[in-house]
Amino acid sequence: MTIALSSRSAAPEMPAGTPSILPGQLVDPAFEQRWTAWRARGARDEAQFRRTVRTVAVALLAIAALAALGIRLFGGAL
């Protein structure tokens, strides 16, 4: 079985300088505002995630250090 591959793309090619909004399409004037809000929310969520991961990592490191100290001081008799 052979599969023929076409060199033509599914989307029609548009010449350079062609506007991305075609005549008859609606332009959403609030798009830039919504996009900016979306990106700001994403940045805020990413910063919160990084803080959470950092806090959990520090807590796990502290627990491991205390466990190692306990084993060293009490010789594994815990």
PDB file of N, CA and C in Angstrom:
ATOM      1  N   MET A   1       0.855  -1.167   0.000  1.00  0.00           N
ATOM      2  CA  MET A   1       0.000   0.000   0.000  1.00  0.00           C
ATOM      3  C   MET A   1       0.901   1.229   0.000  1.00  0.00           C
ATOM      4  N   THR A   2       0.622   2.172  -0.841  1.00  0.00           N
ATOM      5  CA  THR A   2       1.398   3.406  -0.887  1.00  0.00           C
ATOM      6  C   THR A   2       0.516   4.570  -0.500  1.00  0.00           C
ATOM      7  N   ILE A   3       1.133   5.525   0.130  1.00  0.00           N
ATOM      8  CA  ILE A   3       0.417   6.729   0.544  1.00  0.00           C
ATOM      9  C   ILE A   3       1.013   7.896  -0.221  1.00  0.00           C
ATOM     10  N   ALA A   4       0.167   8.588  -0.930  1.00  0.00           N
ATOM     11  CA  ALA A   4       0.633   9.740  -1.696  1.00  0.00           C
ATOM     12  C   ALA A   4       0.574  10.979  -0.816  1.00  0.00           C
ATOM     13  N   LEU A   5       1.682  11.663  -0.735  1.00  0.00           N
ATOM     14  CA  LEU A   5       1.736  12.880   0.042  1.00  0.00           C
ATOM     15  C   LEU A   5       1.653  14.066  -0.897  1.00  0.00           C
ATOM     16  N   SER A   6       0.829  14.984  -0.558  1.00  0.00           N
ATOM     17  CA  SER A   6       0.670  16.170  -1.387  1.00  0.00           C
ATOM     18  C   SER A   6       1.577  17.267  -0.870  1.00  0.00           C
ATOM     19  N   SER A   7       2.172  18.013  -1.769  1.00  0.00           N
ATOM     20  CA  SER A   7       3.015  19.123  -1.357  1.00  0.00           C
ATOM     21  C   SER A   7       2.189  20.379  -1.105  1.00  0.00           C
ATOM     22  N   ARG A   8       0.912  20.309  -1.382  1.00  0.00           N
ATOM     23  CA  ARG A   8       0.036  21.460  -1.168  1.00  0.00           C
ATOM     24  C   ARG A   8      -0.500  21.428   0.257  1.00  0.00           C
ATOM     25  N   SER A   9      -0.554  22.581   0.895  1.00  0.00           N
ATOM     26  CA  SER A   9      -1.079  22.651   2.254  1.00  0.00           C
ATOM     27  C   SER A   9      -2.599  22.725   2.204  1.00  0.00           C
ATOM     28  N   ALA A  10      -3.214  22.421   3.337  1.00  0.00           N
ATOM     29  CA  ALA A  10      -4.670  22.446   3.412  1.00  0.00           C
ATOM     30  C   ALA A  10      -5.195  23.881   3.389  1.00  0.00           C
ATOM     31  N   ALA A  11      -4.447  24.800   3.955  1.00  0.00           N
ATOM     32  CA  ALA A  11      -4.886  26.194   3.997  1.00  0.00           C
ATOM     33  C   ALA A  11      -4.435  26.905   2.720  1.00  0.00           C
ATOM     34  N   PRO A  12      -5.279  27.724   2.160  1.00  0.00           N
ATOM     35  CA  PRO A  12      -4.867  28.449   0.958  1.00  0.00           C
ATOM     36  C   PRO A  12      -3.779  29.459   1.293  1.00  0.00           C
ATOM     37  N   GLU A  13      -2.824  29.593   0.397  1.00  0.00           N
ATOM     38  CA  GLU A  13      -1.753  30.552   0.635  1.00  0.00           C
ATOM     39  C   GLU A  13      -2.244  31.950   0.307  1.00  0.00           C
ATOM     40  N   MET A  14      -1.832  32.900   1.129  1.00  0.00           N
ATOM     41  CA  MET A  14      -2.226  34.280   0.915  1.00  0.00           C
ATOM     42  C   MET A  14      -0.973  35.083   0.610  1.00  0.00           C
ATOM     43  N   PRO A  15      -1.050  35.983  -0.331  1.00  0.00           N
ATOM     44  CA  PRO A  15       0.121  36.787  -0.647  1.00  0.00           C
ATOM     45  C   PRO A  15       0.530  37.664   0.535  1.00  0.00           C
ATOM     46  N   ALA A  16       1.805  38.006   0.587  1.00  0.00           N
ATOM     47  CA  ALA A  16       2.313  38.855   1.661  1.00  0.00           C
ATOM     48  C   ALA A  16       1.591  40.197   1.634  1.00  0.00           C
ATOM     49  N   GLY A  17       1.319  40.723   2.787  1.00  0.00           N
ATOM     50  CA  GLY A  17       0.640  42.013   2.887  1.00  0.00           C
ATOM     51  C   GLY A  17      -0.867  41.894   2.904  1.00  0.00           C
ATOM     52  N   THR A  18      -1.398  40.670   2.807  1.00  0.00           N
ATOM     53  CA  THR A  18      -2.848  40.476   2.855  1.00  0.00           C
ATOM     54  C   THR A  18      -3.297  40.609   4.299  1.00  0.00           C
ATOM     55  N   PRO A  19      -4.326  41.400   4.557  1.00  0.00           N
ATOM     56  CA  PRO A  19      -4.790  41.534   5.940  1.00  0.00           C
ATOM     57  C   PRO A  19      -5.332  40.208   6.461  1.00  0.00           C
ATOM     58  N   SER A  20      -5.131  39.971   7.760  1.00  0.00           N
ATOM     59  CA  SER A  20      -5.595  38.716   8.335  1.00  0.00           C
ATOM     60  C   SER A  20      -7.106  38.709   8.533  1.00  0.00           C
ATOM     61  N   ILE A  21      -7.712  39.853   8.575  1.00  0.00           N
ATOM     62  CA  ILE A  21      -9.174  39.951   8.682  1.00  0.00           C
ATOM     63  C   ILE A  21      -9.714  40.114   7.266  1.00  0.00           C
ATOM     64  N   LEU A  22     -10.487  39.179   6.849  1.00  0.00           N
ATOM     65  CA  LEU A  22     -11.053  39.238   5.503  1.00  0.00           C
ATOM     66  C   LEU A  22     -12.291  40.121   5.501  1.00  0.00           C
ATOM     67  N   PRO A  23     -12.638  40.686   4.372  1.00  0.00           N
ATOM     68  CA  PRO A  23     -13.847  41.508   4.302  1.00  0.00           C
ATOM     69  C   PRO A  23     -15.062  40.691   4.728  1.00  0.00           C
ATOM     70  N   GLY A  24     -15.893  41.276   5.529  1.00  0.00           N
ATOM     71  CA  GLY A  24     -17.092  40.592   6.012  1.00  0.00           C
ATOM     72  C   GLY A  24     -16.914  39.956   7.373  1.00  0.00           C
ATOM     73  N   GLN A  25     -15.671  39.816   7.849  1.00  0.00           N
ATOM     74  CA  GLN A  25     -15.444  39.259   9.179  1.00  0.00           C
ATOM     75  C   GLN A  25     -15.608  40.371  10.211  1.00  0.00           C
ATOM     76  N   LEU A  26     -16.105  39.978  11.373  1.00  0.00           N
ATOM     77  CA  LEU A  26     -16.294  40.950  12.442  1.00  0.00           C
ATOM     78  C   LEU A  26     -14.979  41.168  13.178  1.00  0.00           C
ATOM     79  N   VAL A  27     -14.716  42.395  13.522  1.00  0.00           N
ATOM     80  CA  VAL A  27     -13.522  42.747  14.289  1.00  0.00           C
ATOM     81  C   VAL A  27     -13.956  42.954  15.735  1.00  0.00           C
ATOM     82  N   ASP A  28     -13.256  42.304  16.642  1.00  0.00           N
ATOM     83  CA  ASP A  28     -13.576  42.424  18.058  1.00  0.00           C
ATOM     84  C   ASP A  28     -12.658  43.478  18.674  1.00  0.00           C
ATOM     85  N   PRO A  29     -13.182  44.661  18.975  1.00  0.00           N
ATOM     86  CA  PRO A  29     -12.316  45.716  19.502  1.00  0.00           C
ATOM     87  C   PRO A  29     -11.785  45.429  20.905  1.00  0.00           C
ATOM     88  N   ALA A  30     -12.432  44.553  21.651  1.00  0.00           N
ATOM     89  CA  ALA A  30     -12.001  44.265  23.025  1.00  0.00           C
ATOM     90  C   ALA A  30     -11.014  43.099  23.084  1.00  0.00           C
ATOM     91  N   PHE A  31     -10.616  42.579  21.923  1.00  0.00           N
ATOM     92  CA  PHE A  31      -9.732  41.416  21.918  1.00  0.00           C
ATOM     93  C   PHE A  31      -8.419  41.697  22.630  1.00  0.00           C
ATOM     94  N   GLU A  32      -7.769  42.809  22.306  1.00  0.00           N
ATOM     95  CA  GLU A  32      -6.472  43.112  22.915  1.00  0.00           C
ATOM     96  C   GLU A  32      -6.582  43.222  24.425  1.00  0.00           C
ATOM     97  N   GLN A  33      -7.672  43.800  24.901  1.00  0.00           N
ATOM     98  CA  GLN A  33      -7.868  43.931  26.347  1.00  0.00           C
ATOM     99  C   GLN A  33      -8.032  42.551  26.980  1.00  0.00           C
ATOM    100  N   ARG A  34      -8.843  41.683  26.357  1.00  0.00           N
ATOM    101  CA  ARG A  34      -9.038  40.335  26.896  1.00  0.00           C
ATOM    102  C   ARG A  34      -7.736  39.536  26.829  1.00  0.00           C
ATOM    103  N   TRP A  35      -6.993  39.687  25.731  1.00  0.00           N
ATOM    104  CA  TRP A  35      -5.734  38.955  25.580  1.00  0.00           C
ATOM    105  C   TRP A  35      -4.724  39.389  26.633  1.00  0.00           C
ATOM    106  N   THR A  36      -4.648  40.671  26.902  1.00  0.00           N
ATOM    107  CA  THR A  36      -3.739  41.181  27.929  1.00  0.00           C
ATOM    108  C   THR A  36      -4.145  40.650  29.298  1.00  0.00           C
ATOM    109  N   ALA A  37      -5.434  40.634  29.594  1.00  0.00           N
ATOM    110  CA  ALA A  37      -5.917  40.101  30.871  1.00  0.00           C
ATOM    111  C   ALA A  37      -5.614  38.606  30.976  1.00  0.00           C
ATOM    112  N   TRP A  38      -5.782  37.884  29.886  1.00  0.00           N
ATOM    113  CA  TRP A  38      -5.511  36.446  29.861  1.00  0.00           C
ATOM    114  C   TRP A  38      -4.031  36.179  30.169  1.00  0.00           C
ATOM    115  N   ARG A  39      -3.146  36.941  29.525  1.00  0.00           N
ATOM    116  CA  ARG A  39      -1.715  36.753  29.754  1.00  0.00           C
ATOM    117  C   ARG A  39      -1.322  37.142  31.170  1.00  0.00           C
ATOM    118  N   ALA A  40      -1.926  38.200  31.702  1.00  0.00           N
ATOM    119  CA  ALA A  40      -1.624  38.618  33.077  1.00  0.00           C
ATOM    120  C   ALA A  40      -2.076  37.546  34.061  1.00  0.00           C
ATOM    121  N   ARG A  41      -3.254  36.961  33.814  1.00  0.00           N
ATOM    122  CA  ARG A  41      -3.741  35.903  34.701  1.00  0.00           C
ATOM    123  C   ARG A  41      -2.823  34.687  34.619  1.00  0.00           C
ATOM    124  N   GLY A  42      -2.354  34.356  33.424  1.00  0.00           N
ATOM    125  CA  GLY A  42      -1.430  33.237  33.264  1.00  0.00           C
ATOM    126  C   GLY A  42      -0.129  33.479  34.002  1.00  0.00           C
ATOM    127  N   ALA A  43       0.395  34.691  33.911  1.00  0.00           N
ATOM    128  CA  ALA A  43       1.638  35.027  34.620  1.00  0.00           C
ATOM    129  C   ALA A  43       1.429  34.955  36.128  1.00  0.00           C
ATOM    130  N   ARG A  44       0.274  35.433  36.594  1.00  0.00           N
ATOM    131  CA  ARG A  44      -0.031  35.389  38.027  1.00  0.00           C
ATOM    132  C   ARG A  44      -0.149  33.938  38.501  1.00  0.00           C
ATOM    133  N   ASP A  45      -0.827  33.095  37.719  1.00  0.00           N
ATOM    134  CA  ASP A  45      -0.982  31.689  38.094  1.00  0.00           C
ATOM    135  C   ASP A  45       0.365  30.964  38.086  1.00  0.00           C
ATOM    136  N   GLU A  46       1.207  31.284  37.109  1.00  0.00           N
ATOM    137  CA  GLU A  46       2.525  30.654  37.049  1.00  0.00           C
ATOM    138  C   GLU A  46       3.382  31.066  38.243  1.00  0.00           C
ATOM    139  N   ALA A  47       3.315  32.336  38.625  1.00  0.00           N
ATOM    140  CA  ALA A  47       4.076  32.803  39.783  1.00  0.00           C
ATOM    141  C   ALA A  47       3.592  32.109  41.058  1.00  0.00           C
ATOM    142  N   GLN A  48       2.273  31.933  41.202  1.00  0.00           N
ATOM    143  CA  GLN A  48       1.728  31.245  42.381  1.00  0.00           C
ATOM    144  C   GLN A  48       2.180  29.792  42.399  1.00  0.00           C
ATOM    145  N   PHE A  49       2.170  29.139  41.242  1.00  0.00           N
ATOM    146  CA  PHE A  49       2.618  27.746  41.154  1.00  0.00           C
ATOM    147  C   PHE A  49       4.092  27.626  41.555  1.00  0.00           C
ATOM    148  N   ARG A  50       4.914  28.550  41.070  1.00  0.00           N
ATOM    149  CA  ARG A  50       6.340  28.517  41.415  1.00  0.00           C
ATOM    150  C   ARG A  50       6.551  28.720  42.916  1.00  0.00           C
ATOM    151  N   ARG A  51       5.767  29.622  43.525  1.00  0.00           N
ATOM    152  CA  ARG A  51       5.873  29.828  44.980  1.00  0.00           C
ATOM    153  C   ARG A  51       5.484  28.558  45.725  1.00  0.00           C
ATOM    154  N   THR A  52       4.417  27.905  45.269  1.00  0.00           N
ATOM    155  CA  THR A  52       3.954  26.681  45.926  1.00  0.00           C
ATOM    156  C   THR A  52       5.012  25.583  45.822  1.00  0.00           C
ATOM    157  N   VAL A  53       5.569  25.412  44.628  1.00  0.00           N
ATOM    158  CA  VAL A  53       6.595  24.381  44.441  1.00  0.00           C
ATOM    159  C   VAL A  53       7.811  24.687  45.300  1.00  0.00           C
ATOM    160  N   ARG A  54       8.204  25.951  45.368  1.00  0.00           N
ATOM    161  CA  ARG A  54       9.350  26.336  46.191  1.00  0.00           C
ATOM    162  C   ARG A  54       9.068  26.036  47.663  1.00  0.00           C
ATOM    163  N   THR A  55       7.873  26.348  48.141  1.00  0.00           N
ATOM    164  CA  THR A  55       7.510  26.110  49.543  1.00  0.00           C
ATOM    165  C   THR A  55       7.527  24.617  49.853  1.00  0.00           C
ATOM    166  N   VAL A  56       6.967  23.807  48.960  1.00  0.00           N
ATOM    167  CA  VAL A  56       6.946  22.359  49.178  1.00  0.00           C
ATOM    168  C   VAL A  56       8.367  21.800  49.161  1.00  0.00           C
ATOM    169  N   ALA A  57       9.200  22.291  48.256  1.00  0.00           N
ATOM    170  CA  ALA A  57      10.585  21.813  48.183  1.00  0.00           C
ATOM    171  C   ALA A  57      11.338  22.141  49.459  1.00  0.00           C
ATOM    172  N   VAL A  58      11.155  23.345  49.973  1.00  0.00           N
ATOM    173  CA  VAL A  58      11.833  23.741  51.216  1.00  0.00           C
ATOM    174  C   VAL A  58      11.319  22.896  52.380  1.00  0.00           C
ATOM    175  N   ALA A  59      10.009  22.646  52.425  1.00  0.00           N
ATOM    176  CA  ALA A  59       9.446  21.831  53.505  1.00  0.00           C
ATOM    177  C   ALA A  59       9.994  20.403  53.443  1.00  0.00           C
ATOM    178  N   LEU A  60      10.061  19.816  52.248  1.00  0.00           N
ATOM    179  CA  LEU A  60      10.599  18.459  52.116  1.00  0.00           C
ATOM    180  C   LEU A  60      12.077  18.409  52.486  1.00  0.00           C
ATOM    181  N   LEU A  61      12.813  19.431  52.099  1.00  0.00           N
ATOM    182  CA  LEU A  61      14.234  19.499  52.452  1.00  0.00           C
ATOM    183  C   LEU A  61      14.406  19.590  53.967  1.00  0.00           C
ATOM    184  N   ALA A  62      13.573  20.390  54.612  1.00  0.00           N
ATOM    185  CA  ALA A  62      13.648  20.522  56.073  1.00  0.00           C
ATOM    186  C   ALA A  62      13.302  19.200  56.757  1.00  0.00           C
ATOM    187  N   ILE A  63      12.289  18.517  56.269  1.00  0.00           N
ATOM    188  CA  ILE A  63      11.909  17.221  56.851  1.00  0.00           C
ATOM    189  C   ILE A  63      13.038  16.209  56.674  1.00  0.00           C
ATOM    190  N   ALA A  64      13.646  16.191  55.485  1.00  0.00           N
ATOM    191  CA  ALA A  64      14.754  15.259  55.243  1.00  0.00           C
ATOM    192  C   ALA A  64      15.944  15.596  56.138  1.00  0.00           C
ATOM    193  N   ALA A  65      16.222  16.873  56.335  1.00  0.00           N
ATOM    194  CA  ALA A  65      17.336  17.271  57.195  1.00  0.00           C
ATOM    195  C   ALA A  65      17.068  16.876  58.641  1.00  0.00           C
ATOM    196  N   LEU A  66      15.847  17.090  59.103  1.00  0.00           N
ATOM    197  CA  LEU A  66      15.504  16.693  60.479  1.00  0.00           C
ATOM    198  C   LEU A  66      15.560  15.186  60.649  1.00  0.00           C
ATOM    199  N   ALA A  67      15.116  14.442  59.651  1.00  0.00           N
ATOM    200  CA  ALA A  67      15.181  12.978  59.727  1.00  0.00           C
ATOM    201  C   ALA A  67      16.637  12.510  59.768  1.00  0.00           C
ATOM    202  N   ALA A  68      17.483  13.110  58.935  1.00  0.00           N
ATOM    203  CA  ALA A  68      18.899  12.733  58.930  1.00  0.00           C
ATOM    204  C   ALA A  68      19.553  13.081  60.261  1.00  0.00           C
ATOM    205  N   LEU A  69      19.215  14.243  60.813  1.00  0.00           N
ATOM    206  CA  LEU A  69      19.752  14.643  62.109  1.00  0.00           C
ATOM    207  C   LEU A  69      19.287  13.697  63.209  1.00  0.00           C
ATOM    208  N   GLY A  70      18.005  13.329  63.160  1.00  0.00           N
ATOM    209  CA  GLY A  70      17.472  12.385  64.150  1.00  0.00           C
ATOM    210  C   GLY A  70      18.137  11.033  64.084  1.00  0.00           C
ATOM    211  N   ILE A  71      18.375  10.557  62.876  1.00  0.00           N
ATOM    212  CA  ILE A  71      19.044   9.255  62.716  1.00  0.00           C
ATOM    213  C   ILE A  71      20.487   9.352  63.196  1.00  0.00           C
ATOM    214  N   ARG A  72      21.115  10.467  62.910  1.00  0.00           N
ATOM    215  CA  ARG A  72      22.510  10.624  63.324  1.00  0.00           C
ATOM    216  C   ARG A  72      22.612  10.726  64.864  1.00  0.00           C
ATOM    217  N   LEU A  73      21.689  11.490  65.482  1.00  0.00           N
ATOM    218  CA  LEU A  73      21.754  11.673  66.942  1.00  0.00           C
ATOM    219  C   LEU A  73      21.342  10.415  67.705  1.00  0.00           C
ATOM    220  N   PHE A  74      20.306   9.753  67.219  1.00  0.00           N
ATOM    221  CA  PHE A  74      19.768   8.628  67.981  1.00  0.00           C
ATOM    222  C   PHE A  74      20.172   7.285  67.395  1.00  0.00           C
ATOM    223  N   GLY A  75      20.985   7.269  66.412  1.00  0.00           N
ATOM    224  CA  GLY A  75      21.519   6.016  65.871  1.00  0.00           C
ATOM    225  C   GLY A  75      20.469   5.104  65.285  1.00  0.00           C
ATOM    226  N   GLY A  76      19.410   5.616  64.759  1.00  0.00           N
ATOM    227  CA  GLY A  76      18.391   4.773  64.129  1.00  0.00           C
ATOM    228  C   GLY A  76      17.430   4.159  65.122  1.00  0.00           C
ATOM    229  N   ALA A  77      17.422   4.616  66.370  1.00  0.00           N
ATOM    230  CA  ALA A  77      16.535   4.035  67.388  1.00  0.00           C
ATOM    231  C   ALA A  77      15.168   4.723  67.383  1.00  0.00           C
ATOM    232  N   LEU A  78      14.866   5.452  66.354  1.00  0.00           N
ATOM    233  CA  LEU A  78      13.564   6.134  66.304  1.00  0.00           C
ATOM    234  C   LEU A  78      12.507   5.144  66.015  1.00  0.00           C
TER     235      LEU A  78
END
